[in-house]
Amino acid sequence: MANIKSAKKRILVNRKRAERNKSVKSKVKTMIKKVETAVAAGDKELARANLVLAESEVDKACSKGVYHRNTAARKVSRLAKSVNKLA
């Protein structure tokens, strides 16, 4: 454990942020899996509906700084491409 007050605070803040980032990433992964499951099942309407929700979650994660904007764009692009292949 650190001895300096500012270092102790950094440890606490980093721990809190890591927990937040973990929950946000988990939610994004869940939404992506829902889209991929719908695509695998061949359900266009469900895939499109889930794509909108997944895109929203990815954008929220990007705005919170959990994902870099290029990473978020890549994830959304790949999902959209897989959904568009169904049509």
C-alpha atoms as a PDB file:
ATOM      1  CA  MET A   1       0.000   0.000   0.000  1.00  0.00           C
ATOM      2  CA  ALA A   2       1.162   3.496  -0.805  1.00  0.00           C
ATOM      3  CA  ASN A   3       2.298   5.910   1.891  1.00  0.00           C
ATOM      4  CA  ILE A   4       1.636   9.194   0.108  1.00  0.00           C
ATOM      5  CA  LYS A   5      -1.879  10.597   0.386  1.00  0.00           C
ATOM      6  CA  SER A   6      -2.240  11.359  -3.329  1.00  0.00           C
ATOM      7  CA  ALA A   7      -1.060   7.853  -4.238  1.00  0.00           C
ATOM      8  CA  LYS A   8      -3.657   6.360  -1.896  1.00  0.00           C
ATOM      9  CA  LYS A   9      -6.342   8.437  -3.578  1.00  0.00           C
ATOM     10  CA  ARG A  10      -5.163   7.357  -7.037  1.00  0.00           C
ATOM     11  CA  ILE A  11      -5.497   3.705  -5.993  1.00  0.00           C
ATOM     12  CA  LEU A  12      -9.078   4.275  -4.816  1.00  0.00           C
ATOM     13  CA  VAL A  13     -10.064   6.275  -7.892  1.00  0.00           C
ATOM     14  CA  ASN A  14      -8.487   3.754 -10.260  1.00  0.00           C
ATOM     15  CA  ARG A  15     -10.303   0.894  -8.538  1.00  0.00           C
ATOM     16  CA  LYS A  16     -13.646   2.707  -8.828  1.00  0.00           C
ATOM     17  CA  ARG A  17     -13.092   3.538 -12.497  1.00  0.00           C
ATOM     18  CA  ALA A  18     -11.993  -0.014 -13.290  1.00  0.00           C
ATOM     19  CA  GLU A  19     -15.219  -1.360 -11.794  1.00  0.00           C
ATOM     20  CA  ARG A  20     -17.295   1.100 -13.814  1.00  0.00           C
ATOM     21  CA  ASN A  21     -15.413   0.287 -17.008  1.00  0.00           C
ATOM     22  CA  LYS A  22     -15.852  -3.429 -16.371  1.00  0.00           C
ATOM     23  CA  SER A  23     -19.622  -3.136 -16.015  1.00  0.00           C
ATOM     24  CA  VAL A  24     -19.915  -0.940 -19.123  1.00  0.00           C
ATOM     25  CA  LYS A  25     -17.805  -3.351 -21.188  1.00  0.00           C
ATOM     26  CA  SER A  26     -19.851  -6.279 -19.932  1.00  0.00           C
ATOM     27  CA  LYS A  27     -23.086  -4.582 -20.995  1.00  0.00           C
ATOM     28  CA  VAL A  28     -21.657  -3.833 -24.440  1.00  0.00           C
ATOM     29  CA  LYS A  29     -20.552  -7.446 -24.884  1.00  0.00           C
ATOM     30  CA  THR A  30     -24.014  -8.678 -23.883  1.00  0.00           C
ATOM     31  CA  MET A  31     -25.696  -6.415 -26.433  1.00  0.00           C
ATOM     32  CA  ILE A  32     -23.272  -7.530 -29.161  1.00  0.00           C
ATOM     33  CA  LYS A  33     -23.991 -11.179 -28.349  1.00  0.00           C
ATOM     34  CA  LYS A  34     -27.739 -10.520 -28.671  1.00  0.00           C
ATOM     35  CA  VAL A  35     -27.217  -9.127 -32.179  1.00  0.00           C
ATOM     36  CA  GLU A  36     -24.938 -12.003 -33.181  1.00  0.00           C
ATOM     37  CA  THR A  37     -27.430 -14.566 -31.846  1.00  0.00           C
ATOM     38  CA  ALA A  38     -30.254 -12.997 -33.848  1.00  0.00           C
ATOM     39  CA  VAL A  39     -28.068 -12.955 -36.977  1.00  0.00           C
ATOM     40  CA  ALA A  40     -27.162 -16.615 -36.481  1.00  0.00           C
ATOM     41  CA  ALA A  41     -30.854 -17.473 -36.106  1.00  0.00           C
ATOM     42  CA  GLY A  42     -31.637 -15.514 -39.280  1.00  0.00           C
ATOM     43  CA  ASP A  43     -34.148 -13.210 -37.564  1.00  0.00           C
ATOM     44  CA  LYS A  44     -33.845  -9.886 -39.425  1.00  0.00           C
ATOM     45  CA  GLU A  45     -36.273  -7.858 -37.331  1.00  0.00           C
ATOM     46  CA  LEU A  46     -34.808  -8.936 -34.000  1.00  0.00           C
ATOM     47  CA  ALA A  47     -31.283  -8.361 -35.306  1.00  0.00           C
ATOM     48  CA  ARG A  48     -32.144  -4.825 -36.428  1.00  0.00           C
ATOM     49  CA  ALA A  49     -33.846  -4.011 -33.126  1.00  0.00           C
ATOM     50  CA  ASN A  50     -30.893  -5.350 -31.147  1.00  0.00           C
ATOM     51  CA  LEU A  51     -28.464  -3.504 -33.434  1.00  0.00           C
ATOM     52  CA  VAL A  52     -30.037  -0.171 -32.469  1.00  0.00           C
ATOM     53  CA  LEU A  53     -29.700  -1.013 -28.770  1.00  0.00           C
ATOM     54  CA  ALA A  54     -26.148  -2.295 -29.174  1.00  0.00           C
ATOM     55  CA  GLU A  55     -25.110   0.782 -31.137  1.00  0.00           C
ATOM     56  CA  SER A  56     -26.511   2.973 -28.376  1.00  0.00           C
ATOM     57  CA  GLU A  57     -24.567   1.093 -25.687  1.00  0.00           C
ATOM     58  CA  VAL A  58     -21.327   1.251 -27.672  1.00  0.00           C
ATOM     59  CA  ASP A  59     -21.768   4.999 -28.196  1.00  0.00           C
ATOM     60  CA  LYS A  60     -22.390   5.488 -24.469  1.00  0.00           C
ATOM     61  CA  ALA A  61     -19.240   3.526 -23.651  1.00  0.00           C
ATOM     62  CA  CYS A  62     -17.301   5.655 -26.129  1.00  0.00           C
ATOM     63  CA  SER A  63     -18.593   8.907 -24.629  1.00  0.00           C
ATOM     64  CA  LYS A  64     -17.606   7.733 -21.127  1.00  0.00           C
ATOM     65  CA  GLY A  65     -14.077   7.020 -22.347  1.00  0.00           C
ATOM     66  CA  VAL A  66     -14.310   3.256 -21.918  1.00  0.00           C
ATOM     67  CA  TYR A  67     -13.672   2.659 -25.633  1.00  0.00           C
ATOM     68  CA  HIS A  68     -11.669   4.720 -28.100  1.00  0.00           C
ATOM     69  CA  ARG A  69     -13.900   6.232 -30.783  1.00  0.00           C
ATOM     70  CA  ASN A  70     -12.285   4.168 -33.547  1.00  0.00           C
ATOM     71  CA  THR A  71     -12.828   0.968 -31.573  1.00  0.00           C
ATOM     72  CA  ALA A  72     -16.473   1.871 -31.031  1.00  0.00           C
ATOM     73  CA  ALA A  73     -16.913   2.693 -34.721  1.00  0.00           C
ATOM     74  CA  ARG A  74     -15.313  -0.613 -35.719  1.00  0.00           C
ATOM     75  CA  LYS A  75     -17.589  -2.612 -33.418  1.00  0.00           C
ATOM     76  CA  VAL A  76     -20.732  -0.887 -34.730  1.00  0.00           C
ATOM     77  CA  SER A  77     -19.582  -1.235 -38.325  1.00  0.00           C
ATOM     78  CA  ARG A  78     -18.981  -4.966 -38.013  1.00  0.00           C
ATOM     79  CA  LEU A  79     -22.368  -5.497 -36.384  1.00  0.00           C
ATOM     80  CA  ALA A  80     -24.159  -3.443 -39.036  1.00  0.00           C
ATOM     81  CA  LYS A  81     -22.370  -5.360 -41.777  1.00  0.00           C
ATOM     82  CA  SER A  82     -23.459  -8.705 -40.348  1.00  0.00           C
ATOM     83  CA  VAL A  83     -27.081  -7.517 -40.007  1.00  0.00           C
ATOM     84  CA  ASN A  84     -27.113  -6.099 -43.547  1.00  0.00           C
ATOM     85  CA  LYS A  85     -25.962  -9.470 -44.921  1.00  0.00           C
ATOM     86  CA  LEU A  86     -29.320 -10.924 -43.823  1.00  0.00           C
ATOM     87  CA  ALA A  87     -31.258  -8.580 -46.118  1.00  0.00           C
END
